[in-house]
Amino acid sequence: MTFSIVGFDPVEKEWGIAVQSKFLGVGAVVPWAKAGAGAVATQSYANTAYGPKALQLMEEGKSAEETLELLLADDPDREMRQVGLIDASGNPASFTGKACYDWAGGVTGTHFAAQGNILVDEKTVQAMARVFSETNGPLAHKLLAALDAGQEAGGDSRGKQSAALYIVKEKGGYGGFNDRYIDLRVDDHPDPIKELIRIYQLQQLYFAPSKPESITEIEGEVKDELTHQLTRLSYLGSVNPSDEELFKALTAYIHTENFEMREQTKGFIDLEVLEYMKKS
C-alpha cells in the first residue's frame, strides 16, 4: 500500500529511505536503518520484524541479497510482503510477493532499490529509479526528488496521506550522539511529499552548517536590514543601536529560533538567517 526508495551515498556513508503511502503515519512502519549496516523498507502487509532482523544480518556482513533470502525463508506469509534493502556496501535487493496487490513491483540499480504496491502502474518505480540515478547532491535530496517523481508518475492508486524521510550516518544525529541524521515524518496531509520537502528544507536551515559564501560582515546595507528586522521583531528597542546592542539582539534571536548551527563570530551573520528573519 506504499511506494518507497532505499538509497546509499558511498562518499558520505549515508543510508536512507523515502516513502509515501495512503496510510496513516507510514514513517512508523516502513523505514529502518543503521549506520554501517544498511537500510530497509518493509511494506505491503509489512512485517516490521524484517527491519531489525535485516539490519542485524547486514551488520554481521550479509549482503542485501543474502539477507533477503533469509528473511523470506522464515516468513510463511512472504508472498504478501514487499521489501527493499541496501547493505553496508550499498548493494541493493528488492522483493515483491505474488500476493501483493497490483500494480506491484520493484527496480534496483547502483546504490538504490525502488518498490511499490497498489500503484497506478509501473511508471512510479521507473520514475524513482531514473530520477535517483540522474540527480546530484546529498542523499536526502536524491531520495526526495525520486519520491516526488514517483508521485508525479502516478503513485499510490488510492491517493496520498503520509510520507517519511529517514537517513542514518555515523554520529550524524543531534550533538553527534547517535546515527539519526535526518528523521522527518508527515503523518497525515493532503500532499505529504511536498510537505516533507518543505520540512526537509527547514531541517537544513536549522541544522546544516553555514555555507562559506553565505557568511558576511555586518556592515552597510546588511547592518541596516538586520537592525530593521530585529527592531520589527521586538529584539531591539532602538533604531540606532550600538554594535554591542545589535550583537546581543542577534544572539537572542538566534538562540530563540534555534539557529545555533548558523551562529557566527561577533560582527558576522549567515545571510540565510537574515532571509528567514525577513519572512517571519
C-alpha atoms as a PDB file:
ATOM      1  CA  MET A   1       0.000   0.000   0.000  1.00  0.00           C
ATOM      2  CA  THR A   2       3.090   2.120  -0.445  1.00  0.00           C
ATOM      3  CA  PHE A   3       5.967   3.210  -2.658  1.00  0.00           C
ATOM      4  CA  SER A   4       9.485   3.739  -1.379  1.00  0.00           C
ATOM      5  CA  ILE A   5      13.115   4.094  -2.354  1.00  0.00           C
ATOM      6  CA  VAL A   6      16.101   2.930  -0.318  1.00  0.00           C
ATOM      7  CA  GLY A   7      19.471   4.502  -1.127  1.00  0.00           C
ATOM      8  CA  PHE A   8      23.159   4.812  -0.219  1.00  0.00           C
ATOM      9  CA  ASP A   9      25.751   7.579  -0.534  1.00  0.00           C
ATOM     10  CA  PRO A  10      29.215   5.969  -0.807  1.00  0.00           C
ATOM     11  CA  VAL A  11      31.074   9.244  -0.229  1.00  0.00           C
ATOM     12  CA  GLU A  12      29.246  10.482   2.867  1.00  0.00           C
ATOM     13  CA  LYS A  13      28.479   6.941   4.087  1.00  0.00           C
ATOM     14  CA  GLU A  14      24.763   7.570   4.460  1.00  0.00           C
ATOM     15  CA  TRP A  15      21.906   5.063   4.219  1.00  0.00           C
ATOM     16  CA  GLY A  16      18.300   6.146   3.873  1.00  0.00           C
ATOM     17  CA  ILE A  17      14.703   5.637   2.868  1.00  0.00           C
ATOM     18  CA  ALA A  18      11.997   7.899   1.458  1.00  0.00           C
ATOM     19  CA  VAL A  19       8.413   6.596   1.439  1.00  0.00           C
ATOM     20  CA  GLN A  20       4.835   7.693   0.714  1.00  0.00           C
ATOM     21  CA  SER A  21       1.543   5.903   1.296  1.00  0.00           C
ATOM     22  CA  LYS A  22      -2.225   6.185   1.576  1.00  0.00           C
ATOM     23  CA  PHE A  23      -1.718   5.095   5.172  1.00  0.00           C
ATOM     24  CA  LEU A  24      -1.569   6.986   8.457  1.00  0.00           C
ATOM     25  CA  GLY A  25       1.971   7.532   9.771  1.00  0.00           C
ATOM     26  CA  VAL A  26       3.886   5.420   7.259  1.00  0.00           C
ATOM     27  CA  GLY A  27       7.166   6.551   8.835  1.00  0.00           C
ATOM     28  CA  ALA A  28       6.373   4.497  11.937  1.00  0.00           C
ATOM     29  CA  VAL A  29       6.205   1.253   9.942  1.00  0.00           C
ATOM     30  CA  VAL A  30       8.250   1.151   6.726  1.00  0.00           C
ATOM     31  CA  PRO A  31      11.745   2.697   7.216  1.00  0.00           C
ATOM     32  CA  TRP A  32      14.551   1.058   9.182  1.00  0.00           C
ATOM     33  CA  ALA A  33      18.256   1.894   9.041  1.00  0.00           C
ATOM     34  CA  LYS A  34      21.517   1.694  10.966  1.00  0.00           C
ATOM     35  CA  ALA A  35      24.814   3.339  10.088  1.00  0.00           C
ATOM     36  CA  GLY A  36      27.378   0.785   8.992  1.00  0.00           C
ATOM     37  CA  ALA A  37      24.705  -1.873   8.476  1.00  0.00           C
ATOM     38  CA  GLY A  38      22.237  -0.666   5.849  1.00  0.00           C
ATOM     39  CA  ALA A  39      18.639   0.375   5.277  1.00  0.00           C
ATOM     40  CA  VAL A  40      15.332  -1.445   4.869  1.00  0.00           C
ATOM     41  CA  ALA A  41      11.850  -0.581   3.621  1.00  0.00           C
ATOM     42  CA  THR A  42       9.253  -3.184   4.653  1.00  0.00           C
ATOM     43  CA  GLN A  43       5.744  -2.765   3.218  1.00  0.00           C
ATOM     44  CA  SER A  44       2.617  -4.466   1.817  1.00  0.00           C
ATOM     45  CA  TYR A  45       1.209  -6.162   4.916  1.00  0.00           C
ATOM     46  CA  ALA A  46       4.518  -5.078   6.361  1.00  0.00           C
ATOM     47  CA  ASN A  47       6.377  -7.483   8.588  1.00  0.00           C
ATOM     48  CA  THR A  48       8.099  -4.997  10.887  1.00  0.00           C
ATOM     49  CA  ALA A  49      10.359  -7.761  12.188  1.00  0.00           C
ATOM     50  CA  TYR A  50      12.121  -7.516   8.831  1.00  0.00           C
ATOM     51  CA  GLY A  51      13.628  -4.173   9.881  1.00  0.00           C
ATOM     52  CA  PRO A  52      15.705  -5.083  12.939  1.00  0.00           C
ATOM     53  CA  LYS A  53      16.400  -8.618  11.687  1.00  0.00           C
ATOM     54  CA  ALA A  54      17.709  -7.420   8.322  1.00  0.00           C
ATOM     55  CA  LEU A  55      19.883  -4.761   9.949  1.00  0.00           C
ATOM     56  CA  GLN A  56      21.385  -7.327  12.298  1.00  0.00           C
ATOM     57  CA  LEU A  57      22.155  -9.701   9.419  1.00  0.00           C
ATOM     58  CA  MET A  58      23.728  -6.967   7.294  1.00  0.00           C
ATOM     59  CA  GLU A  59      25.713  -5.672  10.258  1.00  0.00           C
ATOM     60  CA  GLU A  60      27.107  -9.208  10.578  1.00  0.00           C
ATOM     61  CA  GLY A  61      28.318  -8.970   6.990  1.00  0.00           C
ATOM     62  CA  LYS A  62      25.478 -10.479   4.979  1.00  0.00           C
ATOM     63  CA  SER A  63      24.770  -8.876   1.610  1.00  0.00           C
ATOM     64  CA  ALA A  64      21.369  -7.435   0.771  1.00  0.00           C
ATOM     65  CA  GLU A  65      20.536 -10.487  -1.379  1.00  0.00           C
ATOM     66  CA  GLU A  66      21.655 -12.940   1.294  1.00  0.00           C
ATOM     67  CA  THR A  67      19.675 -11.048   3.912  1.00  0.00           C
ATOM     68  CA  LEU A  68      16.577 -11.041   1.720  1.00  0.00           C
ATOM     69  CA  GLU A  69      16.761 -14.810   1.235  1.00  0.00           C
ATOM     70  CA  LEU A  70      16.996 -15.361   4.986  1.00  0.00           C
ATOM     71  CA  LEU A  71      14.087 -13.038   5.728  1.00  0.00           C
ATOM     72  CA  LEU A  72      11.805 -14.741   3.235  1.00  0.00           C
ATOM     73  CA  ALA A  73      12.789 -18.263   4.267  1.00  0.00           C
ATOM     74  CA  ASP A  74      11.461 -17.667   7.788  1.00  0.00           C
ATOM     75  CA  ASP A  75       8.192 -15.985   6.761  1.00  0.00           C
ATOM     76  CA  PRO A  76       5.193 -18.197   5.866  1.00  0.00           C
ATOM     77  CA  ASP A  77       3.387 -15.095   4.524  1.00  0.00           C
ATOM     78  CA  ARG A  78       6.291 -13.944   2.329  1.00  0.00           C
ATOM     79  CA  GLU A  79       4.135 -13.738  -0.804  1.00  0.00           C
ATOM     80  CA  MET A  80       2.205 -10.883   0.846  1.00  0.00           C
ATOM     81  CA  ARG A  81       5.367  -8.901   1.567  1.00  0.00           C
ATOM     82  CA  GLN A  82       7.322  -6.278  -0.267  1.00  0.00           C
ATOM     83  CA  VAL A  83      10.758  -5.189   0.859  1.00  0.00           C
ATOM     84  CA  GLY A  84      13.721  -3.161  -0.378  1.00  0.00           C
ATOM     85  CA  LEU A  85      17.217  -3.308   1.117  1.00  0.00           C
ATOM     86  CA  ILE A  86      20.612  -1.642   0.839  1.00  0.00           C
ATOM     87  CA  ASP A  87      23.509  -3.350   2.596  1.00  0.00           C
ATOM     88  CA  ALA A  88      26.607  -1.904   4.245  1.00  0.00           C
ATOM     89  CA  SER A  89      28.401  -1.679   0.892  1.00  0.00           C
ATOM     90  CA  GLY A  90      25.460  -0.113  -0.935  1.00  0.00           C
ATOM     91  CA  ASN A  91      24.315  -3.267  -2.750  1.00  0.00           C
ATOM     92  CA  PRO A  92      20.542  -3.358  -3.355  1.00  0.00           C
ATOM     93  CA  ALA A  93      17.860  -6.039  -3.249  1.00  0.00           C
ATOM     94  CA  SER A  94      14.100  -5.850  -3.727  1.00  0.00           C
ATOM     95  CA  PHE A  95      11.294  -8.393  -3.416  1.00  0.00           C
ATOM     96  CA  THR A  96       7.609  -8.287  -4.305  1.00  0.00           C
ATOM     97  CA  GLY A  97       5.460 -11.250  -3.276  1.00  0.00           C
ATOM     98  CA  LYS A  98       2.968 -12.761  -5.684  1.00  0.00           C
ATOM     99  CA  ALA A  99       0.064 -11.901  -3.369  1.00  0.00           C
ATOM    100  CA  CYS A 100       0.796  -8.139  -3.368  1.00  0.00           C
ATOM    101  CA  TYR A 101      -1.990  -6.088  -4.955  1.00  0.00           C
ATOM    102  CA  ASP A 102      -1.437  -4.752  -8.474  1.00  0.00           C
ATOM    103  CA  TRP A 103       0.364  -2.843  -9.641  1.00  0.00           C
ATOM    104  CA  ALA A 104       3.271  -4.102  -7.583  1.00  0.00           C
ATOM    105  CA  GLY A 105       6.971  -4.429  -8.360  1.00  0.00           C
ATOM    106  CA  GLY A 106      10.428  -3.013  -7.904  1.00  0.00           C
ATOM    107  CA  VAL A 107      13.584  -1.820  -9.643  1.00  0.00           C
ATOM    108  CA  THR A 108      17.178  -1.953  -8.384  1.00  0.00           C
ATOM    109  CA  GLY A 109      20.239  -0.091  -9.595  1.00  0.00           C
ATOM    110  CA  THR A 110      23.506   1.362  -8.385  1.00  0.00           C
ATOM    111  CA  HIS A 111      23.037   2.129  -4.678  1.00  0.00           C
ATOM    112  CA  PHE A 112      19.224   2.055  -4.699  1.00  0.00           C
ATOM    113  CA  ALA A 113      16.132  -0.137  -4.578  1.00  0.00           C
ATOM    114  CA  ALA A 114      12.733   1.307  -5.533  1.00  0.00           C
ATOM    115  CA  GLN A 115       9.459  -0.567  -4.988  1.00  0.00           C
ATOM    116  CA  GLY A 116       5.741  -0.074  -4.630  1.00  0.00           C
ATOM    117  CA  ASN A 117       2.369  -1.789  -4.491  1.00  0.00           C
ATOM    118  CA  ILE A 118      -1.210  -0.791  -5.306  1.00  0.00           C
ATOM    119  CA  LEU A 119       0.313   1.707  -7.723  1.00  0.00           C
ATOM    120  CA  VAL A 120      -1.308   3.221 -10.797  1.00  0.00           C
ATOM    121  CA  ASP A 121       1.280   1.343 -12.895  1.00  0.00           C
ATOM    122  CA  GLU A 122       4.972   0.558 -13.210  1.00  0.00           C
ATOM    123  CA  LYS A 123       5.856   4.143 -14.159  1.00  0.00           C
ATOM    124  CA  THR A 124       6.107   5.129 -10.491  1.00  0.00           C
ATOM    125  CA  VAL A 125       9.075   2.881  -9.697  1.00  0.00           C
ATOM    126  CA  GLN A 126      10.625   3.566 -13.098  1.00  0.00           C
ATOM    127  CA  ALA A 127      10.494   7.307 -12.420  1.00  0.00           C
ATOM    128  CA  MET A 128      12.009   6.882  -8.959  1.00  0.00           C
ATOM    129  CA  ALA A 129      14.849   4.802 -10.380  1.00  0.00           C
ATOM    130  CA  ARG A 130      15.565   7.250 -13.187  1.00  0.00           C
ATOM    131  CA  VAL A 131      15.465  10.406 -11.056  1.00  0.00           C
ATOM    132  CA  PHE A 132      17.573   8.945  -8.256  1.00  0.00           C
ATOM    133  CA  SER A 133      20.221   7.943 -10.799  1.00  0.00           C
ATOM    134  CA  GLU A 134      20.187  11.296 -12.601  1.00  0.00           C
ATOM    135  CA  THR A 135      20.048  13.613  -9.563  1.00  0.00           C
ATOM    136  CA  ASN A 136      23.179  15.056  -7.979  1.00  0.00           C
ATOM    137  CA  GLY A 137      23.601  16.261  -4.429  1.00  0.00           C
ATOM    138  CA  PRO A 138      23.077  14.854  -0.934  1.00  0.00           C
ATOM    139  CA  LEU A 139      21.311  11.531  -0.434  1.00  0.00           C
ATOM    140  CA  ALA A 140      18.293  13.282   1.106  1.00  0.00           C
ATOM    141  CA  HIS A 141      17.892  15.432  -1.989  1.00  0.00           C
ATOM    142  CA  LYS A 142      18.153  12.419  -4.301  1.00  0.00           C
ATOM    143  CA  LEU A 143      15.629  10.388  -2.295  1.00  0.00           C
ATOM    144  CA  LEU A 144      13.097  13.219  -2.100  1.00  0.00           C
ATOM    145  CA  ALA A 145      13.461  14.039  -5.790  1.00  0.00           C
ATOM    146  CA  ALA A 146      12.896  10.381  -6.631  1.00  0.00           C
ATOM    147  CA  LEU A 147       9.861  10.099  -4.346  1.00  0.00           C
ATOM    148  CA  ASP A 148       8.332  13.256  -5.802  1.00  0.00           C
ATOM    149  CA  ALA A 149       8.911  11.950  -9.333  1.00  0.00           C
ATOM    150  CA  GLY A 150       7.222   8.685  -8.385  1.00  0.00           C
ATOM    151  CA  GLN A 151       4.149  10.584  -7.248  1.00  0.00           C
ATOM    152  CA  GLU A 152       4.105  12.677 -10.408  1.00  0.00           C
ATOM    153  CA  ALA A 153       4.277   9.474 -12.467  1.00  0.00           C
ATOM    154  CA  GLY A 154       1.173   8.054 -10.793  1.00  0.00           C
ATOM    155  CA  GLY A 155       1.942   6.976  -7.249  1.00  0.00           C
ATOM    156  CA  ASP A 156      -0.391   5.075  -4.962  1.00  0.00           C
ATOM    157  CA  SER A 157      -3.625   4.383  -6.831  1.00  0.00           C
ATOM    158  CA  ARG A 158      -5.641   5.040  -3.660  1.00  0.00           C
ATOM    159  CA  GLY A 159      -4.238   8.534  -3.122  1.00  0.00           C
ATOM    160  CA  LYS A 160      -1.929  10.305  -0.662  1.00  0.00           C
ATOM    161  CA  GLN A 161      -1.742  10.557   3.108  1.00  0.00           C
ATOM    162  CA  SER A 162       1.688  10.255   4.732  1.00  0.00           C
ATOM    163  CA  ALA A 163       5.386  10.333   3.886  1.00  0.00           C
ATOM    164  CA  ALA A 164       8.727   9.994   5.638  1.00  0.00           C
ATOM    165  CA  LEU A 165      12.456  10.511   5.153  1.00  0.00           C
ATOM    166  CA  TYR A 166      14.916   8.607   7.328  1.00  0.00           C
ATOM    167  CA  ILE A 167      18.695   8.819   6.852  1.00  0.00           C
ATOM    168  CA  VAL A 168      21.447   7.494   9.102  1.00  0.00           C
ATOM    169  CA  LYS A 169      25.111   8.407   9.309  1.00  0.00           C
ATOM    170  CA  GLU A 170      27.743   7.566  11.914  1.00  0.00           C
ATOM    171  CA  LYS A 171      27.495  10.257  14.639  1.00  0.00           C
ATOM    172  CA  GLY A 172      25.165  12.176  12.333  1.00  0.00           C
ATOM    173  CA  GLY A 173      22.443  12.727  14.948  1.00  0.00           C
ATOM    174  CA  TYR A 174      21.934  15.839  17.027  1.00  0.00           C
ATOM    175  CA  GLY A 175      25.085  16.529  19.007  1.00  0.00           C
ATOM    176  CA  GLY A 176      26.781  13.539  17.416  1.00  0.00           C
ATOM    177  CA  PHE A 177      25.288  11.180  19.995  1.00  0.00           C
ATOM    178  CA  ASN A 178      23.597   8.774  17.570  1.00  0.00           C
ATOM    179  CA  ASP A 179      23.285   7.983  13.852  1.00  0.00           C
ATOM    180  CA  ARG A 180      19.823   9.530  13.277  1.00  0.00           C
ATOM    181  CA  TYR A 181      20.980  12.100  10.748  1.00  0.00           C
ATOM    182  CA  ILE A 182      17.575  13.020   9.274  1.00  0.00           C
ATOM    183  CA  ASP A 183      14.296  11.686  10.662  1.00  0.00           C
ATOM    184  CA  LEU A 184      11.282  13.557   9.277  1.00  0.00           C
ATOM    185  CA  ARG A 185       7.657  12.456   9.057  1.00  0.00           C
ATOM    186  CA  VAL A 186       4.409  13.796   7.678  1.00  0.00           C
ATOM    187  CA  ASP A 187       1.773  11.567   9.234  1.00  0.00           C
ATOM    188  CA  ASP A 188      -1.460  12.938   7.725  1.00  0.00           C
ATOM    189  CA  HIS A 189      -1.523  15.566   4.978  1.00  0.00           C
ATOM    190  CA  PRO A 190      -3.298  16.115   1.631  1.00  0.00           C
ATOM    191  CA  ASP A 191       0.059  16.499  -0.146  1.00  0.00           C
ATOM    192  CA  PRO A 192       2.559  14.682   2.082  1.00  0.00           C
ATOM    193  CA  ILE A 193       5.570  14.615  -0.249  1.00  0.00           C
ATOM    194  CA  LYS A 194       5.503  18.367  -0.879  1.00  0.00           C
ATOM    195  CA  GLU A 195       5.093  18.917   2.858  1.00  0.00           C
ATOM    196  CA  LEU A 196       8.008  16.559   3.552  1.00  0.00           C
ATOM    197  CA  ILE A 197      10.188  18.523   1.134  1.00  0.00           C
ATOM    198  CA  ARG A 198       9.199  21.761   2.895  1.00  0.00           C
ATOM    199  CA  ILE A 199      10.091  20.305   6.288  1.00  0.00           C
ATOM    200  CA  TYR A 200      13.386  18.981   4.939  1.00  0.00           C
ATOM    201  CA  GLN A 201      14.272  22.478   3.737  1.00  0.00           C
ATOM    202  CA  LEU A 202      13.559  23.778   7.248  1.00  0.00           C
ATOM    203  CA  GLN A 203      15.661  20.990   8.729  1.00  0.00           C
ATOM    204  CA  GLN A 204      18.562  22.058   6.552  1.00  0.00           C
ATOM    205  CA  LEU A 205      18.111  25.679   7.581  1.00  0.00           C
ATOM    206  CA  TYR A 206      18.140  24.799  11.273  1.00  0.00           C
ATOM    207  CA  PHE A 207      20.742  22.058  11.414  1.00  0.00           C
ATOM    208  CA  ALA A 208      23.028  22.241   8.391  1.00  0.00           C
ATOM    209  CA  PRO A 209      26.248  24.244   8.872  1.00  0.00           C
ATOM    210  CA  SER A 210      26.541  27.648   7.247  1.00  0.00           C
ATOM    211  CA  LYS A 211      27.815  27.803   3.684  1.00  0.00           C
ATOM    212  CA  PRO A 212      31.019  29.891   3.492  1.00  0.00           C
ATOM    213  CA  GLU A 213      29.530  32.035   0.740  1.00  0.00           C
ATOM    214  CA  SER A 214      26.555  32.918   2.978  1.00  0.00           C
ATOM    215  CA  ILE A 215      28.668  34.362   5.791  1.00  0.00           C
ATOM    216  CA  THR A 216      29.173  38.117   5.626  1.00  0.00           C
ATOM    217  CA  GLU A 217      30.257  41.010   7.823  1.00  0.00           C
ATOM    218  CA  ILE A 218      27.523  43.029   9.490  1.00  0.00           C
ATOM    219  CA  GLU A 219      28.046  46.415   7.868  1.00  0.00           C
ATOM    220  CA  GLY A 220      26.413  48.761   5.377  1.00  0.00           C
ATOM    221  CA  GLU A 221      23.114  47.538   3.916  1.00  0.00           C
ATOM    222  CA  VAL A 222      23.321  44.243   5.804  1.00  0.00           C
ATOM    223  CA  LYS A 223      23.611  46.096   9.109  1.00  0.00           C
ATOM    224  CA  ASP A 224      20.712  48.396   8.194  1.00  0.00           C
ATOM    225  CA  GLU A 225      18.486  45.469   7.237  1.00  0.00           C
ATOM    226  CA  LEU A 226      19.432  43.467  10.324  1.00  0.00           C
ATOM    227  CA  THR A 227      18.678  46.456  12.579  1.00  0.00           C
ATOM    228  CA  HIS A 228      15.307  46.923  10.885  1.00  0.00           C
ATOM    229  CA  GLN A 229      14.330  43.265  11.227  1.00  0.00           C
ATOM    230  CA  LEU A 230      15.438  42.930  14.851  1.00  0.00           C
ATOM    231  CA  THR A 231      13.520  46.104  15.687  1.00  0.00           C
ATOM    232  CA  ARG A 232      10.430  44.846  13.854  1.00  0.00           C
ATOM    233  CA  LEU A 233      10.607  41.553  15.736  1.00  0.00           C
ATOM    234  CA  SER A 234      10.995  43.375  19.087  1.00  0.00           C
ATOM    235  CA  TYR A 235      14.561  42.255  19.764  1.00  0.00           C
ATOM    236  CA  LEU A 236      15.766  45.858  19.588  1.00  0.00           C
ATOM    237  CA  GLY A 237      14.209  48.940  21.129  1.00  0.00           C
ATOM    238  CA  SER A 238      16.315  51.466  19.241  1.00  0.00           C
ATOM    239  CA  VAL A 239      16.779  52.150  15.526  1.00  0.00           C
ATOM    240  CA  ASN A 240      20.336  53.334  16.256  1.00  0.00           C
ATOM    241  CA  PRO A 241      21.773  50.589  18.455  1.00  0.00           C
ATOM    242  CA  SER A 242      25.413  50.274  19.394  1.00  0.00           C
ATOM    243  CA  ASP A 243      27.346  47.361  17.943  1.00  0.00           C
ATOM    244  CA  GLU A 244      27.133  45.614  21.317  1.00  0.00           C
ATOM    245  CA  GLU A 245      23.352  46.053  21.490  1.00  0.00           C
ATOM    246  CA  LEU A 246      22.997  44.737  17.949  1.00  0.00           C
ATOM    247  CA  PHE A 247      25.179  41.730  18.761  1.00  0.00           C
ATOM    248  CA  LYS A 248      23.173  40.896  21.889  1.00  0.00           C
ATOM    249  CA  ALA A 249      19.874  41.229  20.000  1.00  0.00           C
ATOM    250  CA  LEU A 250      21.076  38.981  17.170  1.00  0.00           C
ATOM    251  CA  THR A 251      22.344  36.401  19.669  1.00  0.00           C
ATOM    252  CA  ALA A 252      18.985  36.417  21.448  1.00  0.00           C
ATOM    253  CA  TYR A 253      17.173  35.925  18.147  1.00  0.00           C
ATOM    254  CA  ILE A 254      19.449  33.061  17.068  1.00  0.00           C
ATOM    255  CA  HIS A 255      19.045  31.234  20.365  1.00  0.00           C
ATOM    256  CA  THR A 256      15.285  31.789  20.474  1.00  0.00           C
ATOM    257  CA  GLU A 257      14.807  30.484  16.927  1.00  0.00           C
ATOM    258  CA  ASN A 258      17.231  27.533  17.359  1.00  0.00           C
ATOM    259  CA  PHE A 259      19.753  28.709  14.774  1.00  0.00           C
ATOM    260  CA  GLU A 260      22.803  27.792  16.887  1.00  0.00           C
ATOM    261  CA  MET A 261      24.302  25.802  13.995  1.00  0.00           C
ATOM    262  CA  ARG A 262      24.425  29.045  11.982  1.00  0.00           C
ATOM    263  CA  GLU A 263      25.747  31.331  14.723  1.00  0.00           C
ATOM    264  CA  GLN A 264      28.850  33.258  13.634  1.00  0.00           C
ATOM    265  CA  THR A 265      31.653  35.080  15.391  1.00  0.00           C
ATOM    266  CA  LYS A 266      30.864  38.576  16.594  1.00  0.00           C
ATOM    267  CA  GLY A 267      30.359  41.006  13.716  1.00  0.00           C
ATOM    268  CA  PHE A 268      29.277  38.399  11.153  1.00  0.00           C
ATOM    269  CA  ILE A 269      25.980  36.830  10.097  1.00  0.00           C
ATOM    270  CA  ASP A 270      24.743  33.982   7.932  1.00  0.00           C
ATOM    271  CA  LEU A 271      22.595  35.643   5.253  1.00  0.00           C
ATOM    272  CA  GLU A 272      20.217  32.670   5.247  1.00  0.00           C
ATOM    273  CA  VAL A 273      19.294  33.591   8.809  1.00  0.00           C
ATOM    274  CA  LEU A 274      18.641  37.165   7.736  1.00  0.00           C
ATOM    275  CA  GLU A 275      16.458  35.955   4.850  1.00  0.00           C
ATOM    276  CA  TYR A 276      14.454  33.797   7.240  1.00  0.00           C
ATOM    277  CA  MET A 277      14.109  36.764   9.570  1.00  0.00           C
ATOM    278  CA  LYS A 278      12.679  38.882   6.728  1.00  0.00           C
ATOM    279  CA  LYS A 279       9.990  36.269   6.046  1.00  0.00           C
ATOM    280  CA  SER A 280       8.997  35.856   9.718  1.00  0.00           C
END
